[in-house]
PDB file of N, CA and C in Angstrom:
ATOM      1  N   UNK A   1     189.902 -33.684 195.270  1.00  0.00           N
ATOM      2  CA  UNK A   1     189.935 -32.369 194.650  1.00  0.00           C
ATOM      3  C   UNK A   1     188.916 -31.524 195.364  1.00  0.00           C
ATOM      4  N   UNK A   2     189.337 -30.503 195.833  1.00  0.00           N
ATOM      5  CA  UNK A   2     188.230 -29.597 196.288  1.00  0.00           C
ATOM      6  C   UNK A   2     187.690 -28.477 195.372  1.00  0.00           C
ATOM      7  N   UNK A   3     186.379 -28.079 195.552  1.00  0.00           N
ATOM      8  CA  UNK A   3     185.924 -27.181 194.802  1.00  0.00           C
ATOM      9  C   UNK A   3     186.151 -25.748 195.145  1.00  0.00           C
ATOM     10  N   UNK A   4     186.542 -24.822 194.398  1.00  0.00           N
ATOM     11  CA  UNK A   4     186.638 -23.376 194.870  1.00  0.00           C
ATOM     12  C   UNK A   4     185.178 -22.863 195.155  1.00  0.00           C
ATOM     13  N   UNK A   5     185.309 -21.785 195.970  1.00  0.00           N
ATOM     14  CA  UNK A   5     184.224 -21.178 196.425  1.00  0.00           C
ATOM     15  C   UNK A   5     183.760 -20.105 195.295  1.00  0.00           C
ATOM     16  N   UNK A   6     182.530 -19.741 195.320  1.00  0.00           N
ATOM     17  CA  UNK A   6     182.051 -18.863 194.385  1.00  0.00           C
ATOM     18  C   UNK A   6     182.673 -17.619 194.234  1.00  0.00           C
ATOM     19  N   UNK A   7     182.921 -17.090 195.490  1.00  0.00           N
ATOM     20  CA  UNK A   7     183.660 -15.640 195.544  1.00  0.00           C
ATOM     21  C   UNK A   7     185.063 -15.909 195.094  1.00  0.00           C
ATOM     22  N   UNK A   8     185.935 -17.060 195.109  1.00  0.00           N
ATOM     23  CA  UNK A   8     187.102 -17.145 194.592  1.00  0.00           C
ATOM     24  C   UNK A   8     187.054 -17.267 193.007  1.00  0.00           C
ATOM     25  N   UNK A   9     185.869 -17.661 192.492  1.00  0.00           N
ATOM     26  CA  UNK A   9     185.740 -18.012 191.015  1.00  0.00           C
ATOM     27  C   UNK A   9     185.560 -16.680 190.480  1.00  0.00           C
ATOM     28  N   UNK A  10     184.752 -15.933 191.200  1.00  0.00           N
ATOM     29  CA  UNK A  10     184.406 -14.490 190.526  1.00  0.00           C
ATOM     30  C   UNK A  10     185.467 -13.542 190.525  1.00  0.00           C
ATOM     31  N   UNK A  11     186.373 -13.693 191.693  1.00  0.00           N
ATOM     32  CA  UNK A  11     187.571 -12.861 191.719  1.00  0.00           C
ATOM     33  C   UNK A  11     188.376 -13.129 190.552  1.00  0.00           C
ATOM     34  N   UNK A  12     188.610 -14.405 190.203  1.00  0.00           N
ATOM     35  CA  UNK A  12     189.550 -14.843 189.205  1.00  0.00           C
ATOM     36  C   UNK A  12     189.046 -14.462 187.837  1.00  0.00           C
ATOM     37  N   UNK A  13     187.695 -14.454 187.707  1.00  0.00           N
ATOM     38  CA  UNK A  13     187.205 -14.270 186.336  1.00  0.00           C
ATOM     39  C   UNK A  13     187.122 -12.772 185.987  1.00  0.00           C
ATOM     40  N   UNK A  14     187.115 -12.072 187.064  1.00  0.00           N
ATOM     41  CA  UNK A  14     186.569 -10.726 186.846  1.00  0.00           C
ATOM     42  C   UNK A  14     187.918  -9.822 186.024  1.00  0.00           C
ATOM     43  N   UNK A  15     187.516  -9.332 185.137  1.00  0.00           N
ATOM     44  CA  UNK A  15     188.568  -8.539 184.131  1.00  0.00           C
ATOM     45  C   UNK A  15     189.106  -7.304 184.866  1.00  0.00           C
ATOM     46  N   UNK A  16     190.364  -7.008 184.860  1.00  0.00           N
ATOM     47  CA  UNK A  16     190.843  -5.848 185.433  1.00  0.00           C
ATOM     48  C   UNK A  16     190.405  -4.604 184.812  1.00  0.00           C
ATOM     49  N   UNK A  17     189.924  -3.638 185.625  1.00  0.00           N
ATOM     50  CA  UNK A  17     189.368  -2.312 185.087  1.00  0.00           C
ATOM     51  C   UNK A  17     190.535  -1.304 184.588  1.00  0.00           C
ATOM     52  N   UNK A  18     190.195  -0.302 183.903  1.00  0.00           N
ATOM     53  CA  UNK A  18     191.207   0.629 183.631  1.00  0.00           C
ATOM     54  C   UNK A  18     191.798   1.296 184.937  1.00  0.00           C
ATOM     55  N   UNK A  19     193.069   1.414 184.996  1.00  0.00           N
ATOM     56  CA  UNK A  19     193.640   2.107 186.323  1.00  0.00           C
ATOM     57  C   UNK A  19     192.945   3.576 186.413  1.00  0.00           C
ATOM     58  N   UNK A  20     193.070   4.082 187.781  1.00  0.00           N
ATOM     59  CA  UNK A  20     192.459   5.281 187.913  1.00  0.00           C
ATOM     60  C   UNK A  20     193.087   6.433 187.223  1.00  0.00           C
ATOM     61  N   UNK A  21     194.396   6.235 187.057  1.00  0.00           N
ATOM     62  CA  UNK A  21     195.303   7.331 186.332  1.00  0.00           C
ATOM     63  C   UNK A  21     194.900   7.500 184.984  1.00  0.00           C
ATOM     64  N   UNK A  22     194.576   6.288 184.291  1.00  0.00           N
ATOM     65  CA  UNK A  22     194.195   6.336 182.946  1.00  0.00           C
ATOM     66  C   UNK A  22     192.771   7.056 182.868  1.00  0.00           C
ATOM     67  N   UNK A  23     191.959   6.734 183.744  1.00  0.00           N
ATOM     68  CA  UNK A  23     190.596   7.415 183.886  1.00  0.00           C
ATOM     69  C   UNK A  23     190.743   9.090 183.937  1.00  0.00           C
ATOM     70  N   UNK A  24     191.621   9.376 184.841  1.00  0.00           N
ATOM     71  CA  UNK A  24     191.642  10.860 185.021  1.00  0.00           C
ATOM     72  C   UNK A  24     192.270  11.435 183.909  1.00  0.00           C
ATOM     73  N   UNK A  25     193.246  10.850 183.189  1.00  0.00           N
ATOM     74  CA  UNK A  25     193.954  11.232 182.169  1.00  0.00           C
ATOM     75  C   UNK A  25     192.958  11.450 180.771  1.00  0.00           C
ATOM     76  N   UNK A  26     191.971  10.471 180.652  1.00  0.00           N
ATOM     77  CA  UNK A  26     191.073  10.498 179.524  1.00  0.00           C
ATOM     78  C   UNK A  26     190.089  11.866 179.824  1.00  0.00           C
ATOM     79  N   UNK A  27     189.739  12.064 181.032  1.00  0.00           N
ATOM     80  CA  UNK A  27     188.781  13.167 181.469  1.00  0.00           C
ATOM     81  C   UNK A  27     189.429  14.490 181.271  1.00  0.00           C
ATOM     82  N   UNK A  28     190.770  14.409 181.611  1.00  0.00           N
ATOM     83  CA  UNK A  28     191.601  15.859 181.323  1.00  0.00           C
ATOM     84  C   UNK A  28     191.592  16.088 179.791  1.00  0.00           C
ATOM     85  N   UNK A  29     191.810  15.148 179.050  1.00  0.00           N
ATOM     86  CA  UNK A  29     192.094  15.045 177.713  1.00  0.00           C
ATOM     87  C   UNK A  29     190.648  15.733 177.051  1.00  0.00           C
ATOM     88  N   UNK A  30     189.528  15.029 177.489  1.00  0.00           N
ATOM     89  CA  UNK A  30     188.392  15.337 176.920  1.00  0.00           C
ATOM     90  C   UNK A  30     188.051  16.923 177.273  1.00  0.00           C
ATOM     91  N   UNK A  31     188.267  17.331 178.444  1.00  0.00           N
ATOM     92  CA  UNK A  31     188.072  18.583 178.957  1.00  0.00           C
ATOM     93  C   UNK A  31     188.955  19.532 178.095  1.00  0.00           C
ATOM     94  N   UNK A  32     190.419  19.373 177.748  1.00  0.00           N
ATOM     95  CA  UNK A  32     191.101  20.112 176.772  1.00  0.00           C
ATOM     96  C   UNK A  32     190.475  20.205 175.585  1.00  0.00           C
ATOM     97  N   UNK A  33     190.016  19.297 174.982  1.00  0.00           N
ATOM     98  CA  UNK A  33     189.301  19.190 173.704  1.00  0.00           C
ATOM     99  C   UNK A  33     188.175  20.028 173.652  1.00  0.00           C
ATOM    100  N   UNK A  34     187.432  20.038 174.530  1.00  0.00           N
ATOM    101  CA  UNK A  34     186.030  21.028 174.637  1.00  0.00           C
ATOM    102  C   UNK A  34     186.519  22.345 174.898  1.00  0.00           C
ATOM    103  N   UNK A  35     187.594  22.560 175.789  1.00  0.00           N
ATOM    104  CA  UNK A  35     188.054  23.768 176.152  1.00  0.00           C
ATOM    105  C   UNK A  35     188.624  24.707 174.867  1.00  0.00           C
ATOM    106  N   UNK A  36     189.395  24.055 174.045  1.00  0.00           N
ATOM    107  CA  UNK A  36     190.147  24.478 172.715  1.00  0.00           C
ATOM    108  C   UNK A  36     188.931  24.505 171.637  1.00  0.00           C
ATOM    109  N   UNK A  37     188.029  23.689 171.469  1.00  0.00           N
ATOM    110  CA  UNK A  37     187.133  23.605 170.422  1.00  0.00           C
ATOM    111  C   UNK A  37     185.990  24.413 170.670  1.00  0.00           C
ATOM    112  N   UNK A  38     185.474  24.538 171.798  1.00  0.00           N
ATOM    113  CA  UNK A  38     184.041  25.340 172.091  1.00  0.00           C
ATOM    114  C   UNK A  38     184.151  26.567 173.136  1.00  0.00           C
ATOM    115  N   UNK A  39     184.789  26.390 174.328  1.00  0.00           N
ATOM    116  CA  UNK A  39     184.768  27.261 175.326  1.00  0.00           C
ATOM    117  C   UNK A  39     185.586  28.593 174.764  1.00  0.00           C
ATOM    118  N   UNK A  40     186.828  28.270 174.434  1.00  0.00           N
ATOM    119  CA  UNK A  40     187.647  29.377 174.143  1.00  0.00           C
ATOM    120  C   UNK A  40     187.477  30.255 172.955  1.00  0.00           C
ATOM    121  N   UNK A  41     186.864  29.657 171.825  1.00  0.00           N
ATOM    122  CA  UNK A  41     186.456  30.609 170.686  1.00  0.00           C
ATOM    123  C   UNK A  41     185.227  31.376 171.187  1.00  0.00           C
ATOM    124  N   UNK A  42     184.522  30.670 171.992  1.00  0.00           N
ATOM    125  CA  UNK A  42     183.120  31.615 172.349  1.00  0.00           C
ATOM    126  C   UNK A  42     183.514  32.479 173.201  1.00  0.00           C
ATOM    127  N   UNK A  43     184.323  32.461 173.996  1.00  0.00           N
ATOM    128  CA  UNK A  43     185.034  33.640 174.929  1.00  0.00           C
ATOM    129  C   UNK A  43     185.538  34.617 174.050  1.00  0.00           C
ATOM    130  N   UNK A  44     186.392  34.240 173.144  1.00  0.00           N
ATOM    131  CA  UNK A  44     187.012  35.355 172.160  1.00  0.00           C
ATOM    132  C   UNK A  44     186.178  36.057 171.489  1.00  0.00           C
ATOM    133  N   UNK A  45     185.091  35.419 170.794  1.00  0.00           N
ATOM    134  CA  UNK A  45     184.039  36.175 170.198  1.00  0.00           C
ATOM    135  C   UNK A  45     183.188  37.036 171.122  1.00  0.00           C
ATOM    136  N   UNK A  46     183.084  36.781 172.350  1.00  0.00           N
ATOM    137  CA  UNK A  46     182.247  37.469 173.211  1.00  0.00           C
ATOM    138  C   UNK A  46     182.986  38.654 173.641  1.00  0.00           C
ATOM    139  N   UNK A  47     184.363  38.580 173.654  1.00  0.00           N
ATOM    140  CA  UNK A  47     185.167  39.704 174.073  1.00  0.00           C
ATOM    141  C   UNK A  47     185.362  40.593 172.945  1.00  0.00           C
ATOM    142  N   UNK A  48     185.456  40.126 171.563  1.00  0.00           N
ATOM    143  CA  UNK A  48     185.535  41.077 170.600  1.00  0.00           C
ATOM    144  C   UNK A  48     184.045  41.804 170.444  1.00  0.00           C
ATOM    145  N   UNK A  49     183.125  41.053 170.694  1.00  0.00           N
ATOM    146  CA  UNK A  49     181.790  41.876 170.490  1.00  0.00           C
ATOM    147  C   UNK A  49     181.713  43.002 171.469  1.00  0.00           C
ATOM    148  N   UNK A  50     182.095  42.649 172.825  1.00  0.00           N
ATOM    149  CA  UNK A  50     181.974  43.687 173.986  1.00  0.00           C
ATOM    150  C   UNK A  50     183.070  44.767 173.687  1.00  0.00           C
ATOM    151  N   UNK A  51     184.150  44.558 173.269  1.00  0.00           N
ATOM    152  CA  UNK A  51     184.995  45.680 172.734  1.00  0.00           C
ATOM    153  C   UNK A  51     184.353  46.530 171.783  1.00  0.00           C
ATOM    154  N   UNK A  52     183.873  45.833 170.827  1.00  0.00           N
ATOM    155  CA  UNK A  52     183.233  46.631 169.503  1.00  0.00           C
ATOM    156  C   UNK A  52     182.252  47.534 169.887  1.00  0.00           C
ATOM    157  N   UNK A  53     181.062  47.029 170.907  1.00  0.00           N
ATOM    158  CA  UNK A  53     180.081  47.703 171.161  1.00  0.00           C
ATOM    159  C   UNK A  53     180.535  48.835 172.354  1.00  0.00           C
ATOM    160  N   UNK A  54     181.578  48.743 172.947  1.00  0.00           N
ATOM    161  CA  UNK A  54     182.008  49.687 173.963  1.00  0.00           C
ATOM    162  C   UNK A  54     182.745  50.766 173.073  1.00  0.00           C
ATOM    163  N   UNK A  55     183.343  50.706 171.995  1.00  0.00           N
ATOM    164  CA  UNK A  55     183.933  51.617 171.122  1.00  0.00           C
ATOM    165  C   UNK A  55     183.049  52.407 170.039  1.00  0.00           C
ATOM    166  N   UNK A  56     181.760  52.084 170.083  1.00  0.00           N
ATOM    167  CA  UNK A  56     180.846  52.899 169.605  1.00  0.00           C
ATOM    168  C   UNK A  56     180.747  54.287 169.557  1.00  0.00           C
ATOM    169  N   UNK A  57     180.829  55.092 168.578  1.00  0.00           N
ATOM    170  CA  UNK A  57     180.751  56.527 168.598  1.00  0.00           C
ATOM    171  C   UNK A  57     179.819  57.037 167.854  1.00  0.00           C
ATOM    172  N   UNK A  58     179.618  58.379 167.992  1.00  0.00           N
ATOM    173  CA  UNK A  58     178.577  59.148 167.244  1.00  0.00           C
ATOM    174  C   UNK A  58     179.080  59.190 165.922  1.00  0.00           C
ATOM    175  N   UNK A  59     178.160  58.862 164.848  1.00  0.00           N
ATOM    176  CA  UNK A  59     178.535  58.772 163.406  1.00  0.00           C
ATOM    177  C   UNK A  59     178.812  57.547 162.970  1.00  0.00           C
ATOM    178  N   UNK A  60     178.958  56.522 163.637  1.00  0.00           N
ATOM    179  CA  UNK A  60     179.227  55.084 163.256  1.00  0.00           C
ATOM    180  C   UNK A  60     177.882  54.590 162.686  1.00  0.00           C
ATOM    181  N   UNK A  61     178.043  53.770 161.471  1.00  0.00           N
ATOM    182  CA  UNK A  61     176.956  53.192 161.075  1.00  0.00           C
ATOM    183  C   UNK A  61     176.667  51.716 161.791  1.00  0.00           C
ATOM    184  N   UNK A  62     175.623  51.385 162.121  1.00  0.00           N
ATOM    185  CA  UNK A  62     175.401  50.110 163.147  1.00  0.00           C
ATOM    186  C   UNK A  62     174.402  49.256 162.485  1.00  0.00           C
ATOM    187  N   UNK A  63     174.282  48.102 162.833  1.00  0.00           N
ATOM    188  CA  UNK A  63     173.257  47.211 162.590  1.00  0.00           C
ATOM    189  C   UNK A  63     172.777  46.608 163.808  1.00  0.00           C
ATOM    190  N   UNK A  64     171.544  46.626 164.149  1.00  0.00           N
ATOM    191  CA  UNK A  64     170.817  46.226 165.349  1.00  0.00           C
ATOM    192  C   UNK A  64     170.463  44.669 165.375  1.00  0.00           C
ATOM    193  N   UNK A  65     170.207  44.189 166.431  1.00  0.00           N
ATOM    194  CA  UNK A  65     169.891  42.710 166.461  1.00  0.00           C
ATOM    195  C   UNK A  65     168.592  42.449 165.622  1.00  0.00           C
ATOM    196  N   UNK A  66     167.718  43.264 165.500  1.00  0.00           N
ATOM    197  CA  UNK A  66     166.620  43.197 164.577  1.00  0.00           C
ATOM    198  C   UNK A  66     166.750  43.565 163.134  1.00  0.00           C
ATOM    199  N   UNK A  67     167.954  43.835 162.667  1.00  0.00           N
ATOM    200  CA  UNK A  67     168.225  43.904 161.557  1.00  0.00           C
ATOM    201  C   UNK A  67     168.234  45.458 160.955  1.00  0.00           C
ATOM    202  N   UNK A  68     167.864  46.346 161.763  1.00  0.00           N
ATOM    203  CA  UNK A  68     167.863  47.813 161.485  1.00  0.00           C
ATOM    204  C   UNK A  68     169.223  48.312 161.160  1.00  0.00           C
ATOM    205  N   UNK A  69     169.264  49.051 160.278  1.00  0.00           N
ATOM    206  CA  UNK A  69     170.560  49.740 159.915  1.00  0.00           C
ATOM    207  C   UNK A  69     170.445  51.272 159.872  1.00  0.00           C
ATOM    208  N   UNK A  70     171.474  51.899 160.782  1.00  0.00           N
ATOM    209  CA  UNK A  70     171.218  53.341 160.887  1.00  0.00           C
ATOM    210  C   UNK A  70     172.563  53.948 161.480  1.00  0.00           C
ATOM    211  N   UNK A  71     172.505  55.319 161.503  1.00  0.00           N
ATOM    212  CA  UNK A  71     173.753  55.925 161.956  1.00  0.00           C
ATOM    213  C   UNK A  71     173.678  56.539 163.433  1.00  0.00           C
ATOM    214  N   UNK A  72     174.494  56.280 164.202  1.00  0.00           N
ATOM    215  CA  UNK A  72     174.509  56.755 165.578  1.00  0.00           C
ATOM    216  C   UNK A  72     174.506  58.087 165.844  1.00  0.00           C
ATOM    217  N   UNK A  73     173.516  58.678 166.543  1.00  0.00           N
ATOM    218  CA  UNK A  73     173.138  60.065 166.791  1.00  0.00           C
ATOM    219  C   UNK A  73     173.748  60.245 168.220  1.00  0.00           C
ATOM    220  N   UNK A  74     173.607  59.635 169.236  1.00  0.00           N
ATOM    221  CA  UNK A  74     173.893  59.886 170.532  1.00  0.00           C
ATOM    222  C   UNK A  74     174.504  58.427 171.273  1.00  0.00           C
ATOM    223  N   UNK A  75     175.294  58.654 172.118  1.00  0.00           N
ATOM    224  CA  UNK A  75     175.883  57.403 172.836  1.00  0.00           C
ATOM    225  C   UNK A  75     175.805  57.567 174.286  1.00  0.00           C
ATOM    226  N   UNK A  76     175.229  56.926 175.032  1.00  0.00           N
ATOM    227  CA  UNK A  76     175.266  56.972 176.588  1.00  0.00           C
ATOM    228  C   UNK A  76     175.897  55.760 177.121  1.00  0.00           C
ATOM    229  N   UNK A  77     176.106  55.500 178.395  1.00  0.00           N
ATOM    230  CA  UNK A  77     176.767  54.394 178.963  1.00  0.00           C
ATOM    231  C   UNK A  77     176.052  52.989 178.533  1.00  0.00           C
ATOM    232  N   UNK A  78     174.796  52.899 178.341  1.00  0.00           N
ATOM    233  CA  UNK A  78     174.227  51.625 178.225  1.00  0.00           C
ATOM    234  C   UNK A  78     173.262  51.619 176.834  1.00  0.00           C
ATOM    235  N   UNK A  79     173.150  52.701 176.225  1.00  0.00           N
ATOM    236  CA  UNK A  79     172.156  53.041 175.080  1.00  0.00           C
ATOM    237  C   UNK A  79     172.707  53.720 174.012  1.00  0.00           C
ATOM    238  N   UNK A  80     172.200  53.480 172.894  1.00  0.00           N
ATOM    239  CA  UNK A  80     172.452  54.426 171.748  1.00  0.00           C
ATOM    240  C   UNK A  80     171.306  54.906 171.008  1.00  0.00           C
ATOM    241  N   UNK A  81     171.501  56.196 170.570  1.00  0.00           N
ATOM    242  CA  UNK A  81     170.181  56.658 169.654  1.00  0.00           C
ATOM    243  C   UNK A  81     170.682  56.477 168.172  1.00  0.00           C
ATOM    244  N   UNK A  82     169.716  55.931 167.557  1.00  0.00           N
ATOM    245  CA  UNK A  82     170.150  55.584 166.079  1.00  0.00           C
ATOM    246  C   UNK A  82     169.195  56.340 165.202  1.00  0.00           C
ATOM    247  N   UNK A  83     169.835  56.970 164.127  1.00  0.00           N
ATOM    248  CA  UNK A  83     168.839  57.681 163.161  1.00  0.00           C
ATOM    249  C   UNK A  83     168.745  56.585 161.917  1.00  0.00           C
ATOM    250  N   UNK A  84     167.435  56.176 161.879  1.00  0.00           N
ATOM    251  CA  UNK A  84     167.086  55.228 160.748  1.00  0.00           C
ATOM    252  C   UNK A  84     166.820  55.866 159.269  1.00  0.00           C
ATOM    253  N   UNK A  85     166.110  56.978 159.526  1.00  0.00           N
ATOM    254  CA  UNK A  85     165.939  57.843 158.385  1.00  0.00           C
ATOM    255  C   UNK A  85     165.837  59.168 158.847  1.00  0.00           C
ATOM    256  N   UNK A  86     165.501  60.214 157.864  1.00  0.00           N
ATOM    257  CA  UNK A  86     165.323  61.510 158.287  1.00  0.00           C
ATOM    258  C   UNK A  86     164.043  61.782 159.346  1.00  0.00           C
ATOM    259  N   UNK A  87     164.206  62.266 160.590  1.00  0.00           N
ATOM    260  CA  UNK A  87     163.316  62.288 161.342  1.00  0.00           C
ATOM    261  C   UNK A  87     162.807  61.158 162.160  1.00  0.00           C
ATOM    262  N   UNK A  88     163.457  60.058 161.989  1.00  0.00           N
ATOM    263  CA  UNK A  88     163.200  58.589 162.630  1.00  0.00           C
ATOM    264  C   UNK A  88     164.427  58.143 163.492  1.00  0.00           C
ATOM    265  N   UNK A  89     164.151  58.281 164.901  1.00  0.00           N
ATOM    266  CA  UNK A  89     165.375  57.980 165.617  1.00  0.00           C
ATOM    267  C   UNK A  89     164.725  56.945 166.626  1.00  0.00           C
ATOM    268  N   UNK A  90     165.519  55.872 166.893  1.00  0.00           N
ATOM    269  CA  UNK A  90     165.184  55.013 167.859  1.00  0.00           C
ATOM    270  C   UNK A  90     166.271  54.989 168.853  1.00  0.00           C
ATOM    271  N   UNK A  91     166.000  54.437 170.099  1.00  0.00           N
ATOM    272  CA  UNK A  91     166.936  54.170 171.222  1.00  0.00           C
ATOM    273  C   UNK A  91     167.039  52.576 171.359  1.00  0.00           C
ATOM    274  N   UNK A  92     168.324  52.185 171.353  1.00  0.00           N
ATOM    275  CA  UNK A  92     168.667  50.829 171.397  1.00  0.00           C
ATOM    276  C   UNK A  92     169.626  50.426 172.523  1.00  0.00           C
ATOM    277  N   UNK A  93     169.517  49.419 173.230  1.00  0.00           N
ATOM    278  CA  UNK A  93     170.640  48.958 174.255  1.00  0.00           C
ATOM    279  C   UNK A  93     171.834  48.595 173.478  1.00  0.00           C
ATOM    280  N   UNK A  94     172.938  48.937 174.142  1.00  0.00           N
ATOM    281  CA  UNK A  94     174.254  48.683 173.415  1.00  0.00           C
ATOM    282  C   UNK A  94     174.471  47.185 173.081  1.00  0.00           C
ATOM    283  N   UNK A  95     174.126  46.518 173.991  1.00  0.00           N
ATOM    284  CA  UNK A  95     174.261  45.036 173.899  1.00  0.00           C
ATOM    285  C   UNK A  95     173.597  44.183 172.577  1.00  0.00           C
ATOM    286  N   UNK A  96     172.646  45.041 172.218  1.00  0.00           N
ATOM    287  CA  UNK A  96     171.622  44.326 171.039  1.00  0.00           C
ATOM    288  C   UNK A  96     172.278  44.779 169.739  1.00  0.00           C
ATOM    289  N   UNK A  97     173.459  45.556 169.680  1.00  0.00           N
ATOM    290  CA  UNK A  97     173.979  45.979 168.246  1.00  0.00           C
ATOM    291  C   UNK A  97     174.760  44.617 167.897  1.00  0.00           C
ATOM    292  N   UNK A  98     174.683  44.224 166.429  1.00  0.00           N
ATOM    293  CA  UNK A  98     175.132  43.106 165.990  1.00  0.00           C
ATOM    294  C   UNK A  98     176.610  43.488 165.220  1.00  0.00           C
ATOM    295  N   UNK A  99     176.620  44.743 164.747  1.00  0.00           N
ATOM    296  CA  UNK A  99     177.828  45.198 163.885  1.00  0.00           C
ATOM    297  C   UNK A  99     177.944  46.590 163.975  1.00  0.00           C
ATOM    298  N   UNK A 100     179.156  47.064 164.182  1.00  0.00           N
ATOM    299  CA  UNK A 100     179.327  48.579 164.140  1.00  0.00           C
ATOM    300  C   UNK A 100     180.334  48.880 162.978  1.00  0.00           C
ATOM    301  N   UNK A 101     180.028  49.722 162.159  1.00  0.00           N
ATOM    302  CA  UNK A 101     180.758  49.877 160.836  1.00  0.00           C
ATOM    303  C   UNK A 101     181.071  51.376 161.108  1.00  0.00           C
ATOM    304  N   UNK A 102     182.444  51.405 160.961  1.00  0.00           N
ATOM    305  CA  UNK A 102     182.915  52.863 161.202  1.00  0.00           C
ATOM    306  C   UNK A 102     182.594  53.850 160.090  1.00  0.00           C
ATOM    307  N   UNK A 103     182.776  55.305 160.461  1.00  0.00           N
ATOM    308  CA  UNK A 103     182.440  56.267 159.587  1.00  0.00           C
ATOM    309  C   UNK A 103     183.201  56.078 158.124  1.00  0.00           C
ATOM    310  N   UNK A 104     184.417  55.427 158.217  1.00  0.00           N
ATOM    311  CA  UNK A 104     185.169  55.371 157.076  1.00  0.00           C
ATOM    312  C   UNK A 104     184.943  54.148 156.330  1.00  0.00           C
ATOM    313  N   UNK A 105     183.941  53.303 156.676  1.00  0.00           N
ATOM    314  CA  UNK A 105     183.821  52.047 155.847  1.00  0.00           C
ATOM    315  C   UNK A 105     183.418  52.353 154.401  1.00  0.00           C
ATOM    316  N   UNK A 106     183.976  51.632 153.546  1.00  0.00           N
ATOM    317  CA  UNK A 106     183.595  51.770 152.170  1.00  0.00           C
ATOM    318  C   UNK A 106     182.078  51.694 151.817  1.00  0.00           C
ATOM    319  N   UNK A 107     181.801  52.124 150.791  1.00  0.00           N
ATOM    320  CA  UNK A 107     180.453  52.127 150.347  1.00  0.00           C
ATOM    321  C   UNK A 107     180.235  50.774 149.498  1.00  0.00           C
ATOM    322  N   UNK A 108     178.982  50.377 149.673  1.00  0.00           N
ATOM    323  CA  UNK A 108     178.823  49.005 149.028  1.00  0.00           C
ATOM    324  C   UNK A 108     178.620  49.109 147.504  1.00  0.00           C
ATOM    325  N   UNK A 109     179.097  48.062 146.721  1.00  0.00           N
ATOM    326  CA  UNK A 109     179.287  48.091 145.388  1.00  0.00           C
ATOM    327  C   UNK A 109     178.038  48.180 144.665  1.00  0.00           C
ATOM    328  N   UNK A 110     176.808  47.801 145.179  1.00  0.00           N
ATOM    329  CA  UNK A 110     175.380  48.049 144.722  1.00  0.00           C
ATOM    330  C   UNK A 110     174.780  49.236 145.227  1.00  0.00           C
ATOM    331  N   UNK A 111     175.573  50.242 145.366  1.00  0.00           N
ATOM    332  CA  UNK A 111     174.818  51.577 145.735  1.00  0.00           C
ATOM    333  C   UNK A 111     173.829  52.118 144.700  1.00  0.00           C
ATOM    334  N   UNK A 112     172.708  52.411 145.293  1.00  0.00           N
ATOM    335  CA  UNK A 112     171.617  52.718 144.355  1.00  0.00           C
ATOM    336  C   UNK A 112     171.739  54.109 143.683  1.00  0.00           C
ATOM    337  N   UNK A 113     172.536  54.981 144.336  1.00  0.00           N
ATOM    338  CA  UNK A 113     172.581  56.336 143.812  1.00  0.00           C
ATOM    339  C   UNK A 113     173.849  56.183 142.615  1.00  0.00           C
ATOM    340  N   UNK A 114     174.835  55.385 142.758  1.00  0.00           N
ATOM    341  CA  UNK A 114     175.655  55.256 141.628  1.00  0.00           C
ATOM    342  C   UNK A 114     175.014  54.680 140.279  1.00  0.00           C
ATOM    343  N   UNK A 115     173.877  53.905 140.439  1.00  0.00           N
ATOM    344  CA  UNK A 115     173.231  53.380 139.447  1.00  0.00           C
ATOM    345  C   UNK A 115     172.228  54.353 138.923  1.00  0.00           C
ATOM    346  N   UNK A 116     171.719  55.278 139.622  1.00  0.00           N
ATOM    347  CA  UNK A 116     170.950  56.393 139.270  1.00  0.00           C
ATOM    348  C   UNK A 116     171.836  57.392 138.433  1.00  0.00           C
ATOM    349  N   UNK A 117     172.929  57.616 138.867  1.00  0.00           N
ATOM    350  CA  UNK A 117     173.657  58.741 138.070  1.00  0.00           C
ATOM    351  C   UNK A 117     174.105  58.078 136.483  1.00  0.00           C
ATOM    352  N   UNK A 118     174.330  56.838 136.481  1.00  0.00           N
ATOM    353  CA  UNK A 118     174.587  56.037 135.079  1.00  0.00           C
ATOM    354  C   UNK A 118     173.378  56.197 134.348  1.00  0.00           C
ATOM    355  N   UNK A 119     172.115  56.103 134.602  1.00  0.00           N
ATOM    356  CA  UNK A 119     171.027  56.182 133.825  1.00  0.00           C
ATOM    357  C   UNK A 119     170.799  57.524 133.303  1.00  0.00           C
TER     358      UNK A 119
END
């Protein structure tokens, strides 16, 4: 009885790995999961923000990235001038606007003027 060589023993004992088609399929499935759960929603949110900022007009109420709330006094291609209070105007880059509330937005329920009238 002859002894098999070491390479013959290793080749027989080596488990078969997954096929290349299986590996490519798993990578494609993983990419699809990442696309639909992470990439696509982020692109949709960025597009909505870009459209909202592009549509800002004079008279809209806006919220800046720093949390300042005011009314738009002037709009240029890249900047907006915001009235924060009487005689207080600041210029902000359009991209820093977090929220744009239109002129016809409803008043908040906790309006201080309404409380003052009831007293």
